[in-house]
Amino acid sequence: MPRNKRKKRQRWWRRRKTQQRLAVAASLLAAVGVLAWFVIQSAGDSEPEVYFTEPAPLFTLPTVAGDEFSLVEHRGQHNILLYFSEGVG
């Protein structure tokens, strides 16, 4: 066998260990980027958003049982009004 015949080496970017290290580094960089984005986004929210600034107008509606429901009777409580339309859906 000739003495000067060398084993051909792979390029550094084609080696398995280098590819694994690059994959780990890219994953860590992506995770740090996402974390930084969340921190930056939450830094601007110093006060909570206010959706309703005015109270609801007073109204009276009939119930399914035939009684009357008035918002005046429930003033000062937290109320949710669910509205369903029979023509939709």
Protein backbone atom coordinates (compact mmCIF):
# COMPACT_ATOMS: atom_id res chain seq x y z
CA MET A 1 0.00 0.00 0.00
CA PRO A 2 1.26 3.44 -0.77
CA ARG A 3 2.25 5.42 2.24
CA ASN A 4 0.92 8.79 1.21
CA LYS A 5 -2.62 7.56 0.67
CA ARG A 6 -4.67 9.34 3.35
CA LYS A 7 -8.16 8.68 4.54
CA LYS A 8 -10.47 11.32 3.13
CA ARG A 9 -11.91 13.46 5.93
CA GLN A 10 -15.37 14.92 5.86
CA ARG A 11 -15.80 18.64 5.86
CA TRP A 12 -16.48 20.10 9.34
CA TRP A 13 -20.08 21.05 8.55
CA ARG A 14 -20.91 17.53 7.38
CA ARG A 15 -19.78 15.78 10.56
CA ARG A 16 -22.53 14.34 12.73
CA LYS A 17 -21.32 15.91 15.98
CA THR A 18 -21.11 19.35 14.36
CA GLN A 19 -24.63 19.01 12.97
CA GLN A 20 -25.95 18.02 16.39
CA ARG A 21 -24.26 21.00 18.03
CA LEU A 22 -25.65 23.34 15.37
CA ALA A 23 -29.16 21.93 15.88
CA VAL A 24 -28.94 22.43 19.66
CA ALA A 25 -27.60 25.96 19.23
CA ALA A 26 -30.37 26.84 16.75
CA SER A 27 -33.02 25.44 19.11
CA LEU A 28 -31.67 27.40 22.06
CA LEU A 29 -31.50 30.56 19.98
CA ALA A 30 -35.11 30.10 18.89
CA ALA A 31 -36.25 29.48 22.48
CA VAL A 32 -34.42 32.58 23.73
CA GLY A 33 -35.95 34.61 20.91
CA VAL A 34 -39.48 33.49 21.76
CA LEU A 35 -38.92 34.18 25.45
CA ALA A 36 -37.55 37.65 24.68
CA TRP A 37 -40.55 38.38 22.46
CA PHE A 38 -42.96 37.45 25.28
CA VAL A 39 -41.06 39.63 27.76
CA ILE A 40 -41.07 42.60 25.39
CA GLN A 41 -44.78 42.17 24.62
CA SER A 42 -45.77 41.96 28.28
CA ALA A 43 -43.63 44.96 29.27
CA GLY A 44 -46.03 47.36 27.55
CA ASP A 45 -49.09 46.10 29.46
CA SER A 46 -48.68 48.17 32.59
CA GLU A 47 -52.42 48.53 33.18
CA PRO A 48 -55.28 46.18 32.29
CA GLU A 49 -57.47 46.91 29.31
CA VAL A 50 -60.86 48.48 30.03
CA TYR A 51 -63.61 47.29 27.74
CA PHE A 52 -66.71 48.89 29.23
CA THR A 53 -66.62 52.38 30.63
CA GLU A 54 -70.34 53.13 30.83
CA PRO A 55 -73.03 51.14 32.65
CA ALA A 56 -75.63 49.31 30.59
CA PRO A 57 -78.92 51.11 29.95
CA LEU A 58 -81.84 50.02 32.10
CA PHE A 59 -84.20 47.58 30.40
CA THR A 60 -86.93 45.05 31.11
CA LEU A 61 -87.30 41.75 29.24
CA PRO A 62 -89.79 38.90 29.40
CA THR A 63 -88.45 35.55 30.67
CA VAL A 64 -89.29 32.09 29.32
CA ALA A 65 -91.63 31.54 32.28
CA GLY A 66 -93.56 34.69 31.37
CA ASP A 67 -92.22 36.87 34.20
CA GLU A 68 -90.46 40.22 33.75
CA PHE A 69 -86.71 40.61 34.22
CA SER A 70 -85.54 44.12 35.05
CA LEU A 71 -81.93 45.23 35.22
CA VAL A 72 -82.78 47.68 38.03
CA GLU A 73 -83.34 44.75 40.42
CA HIS A 74 -79.80 43.46 39.79
CA ARG A 75 -77.87 46.73 39.90
CA GLY A 76 -74.46 46.43 41.59
CA GLN A 77 -74.08 42.75 40.71
CA HIS A 78 -72.07 41.20 37.90
CA ASN A 79 -74.51 40.17 35.19
CA ILE A 80 -74.16 38.36 31.88
CA LEU A 81 -76.77 38.69 29.16
CA LEU A 82 -76.95 35.71 26.81
CA TYR A 83 -78.80 36.40 23.61
CA PHE A 84 -79.88 33.63 21.26
CA SER A 85 -81.57 34.09 17.93
CA GLU A 86 -83.74 31.24 16.67
CA GLY A 87 -83.09 32.20 13.05
CA VAL A 88 -79.30 31.78 13.33
CA GLY A 89 -77.66 28.36 13.30
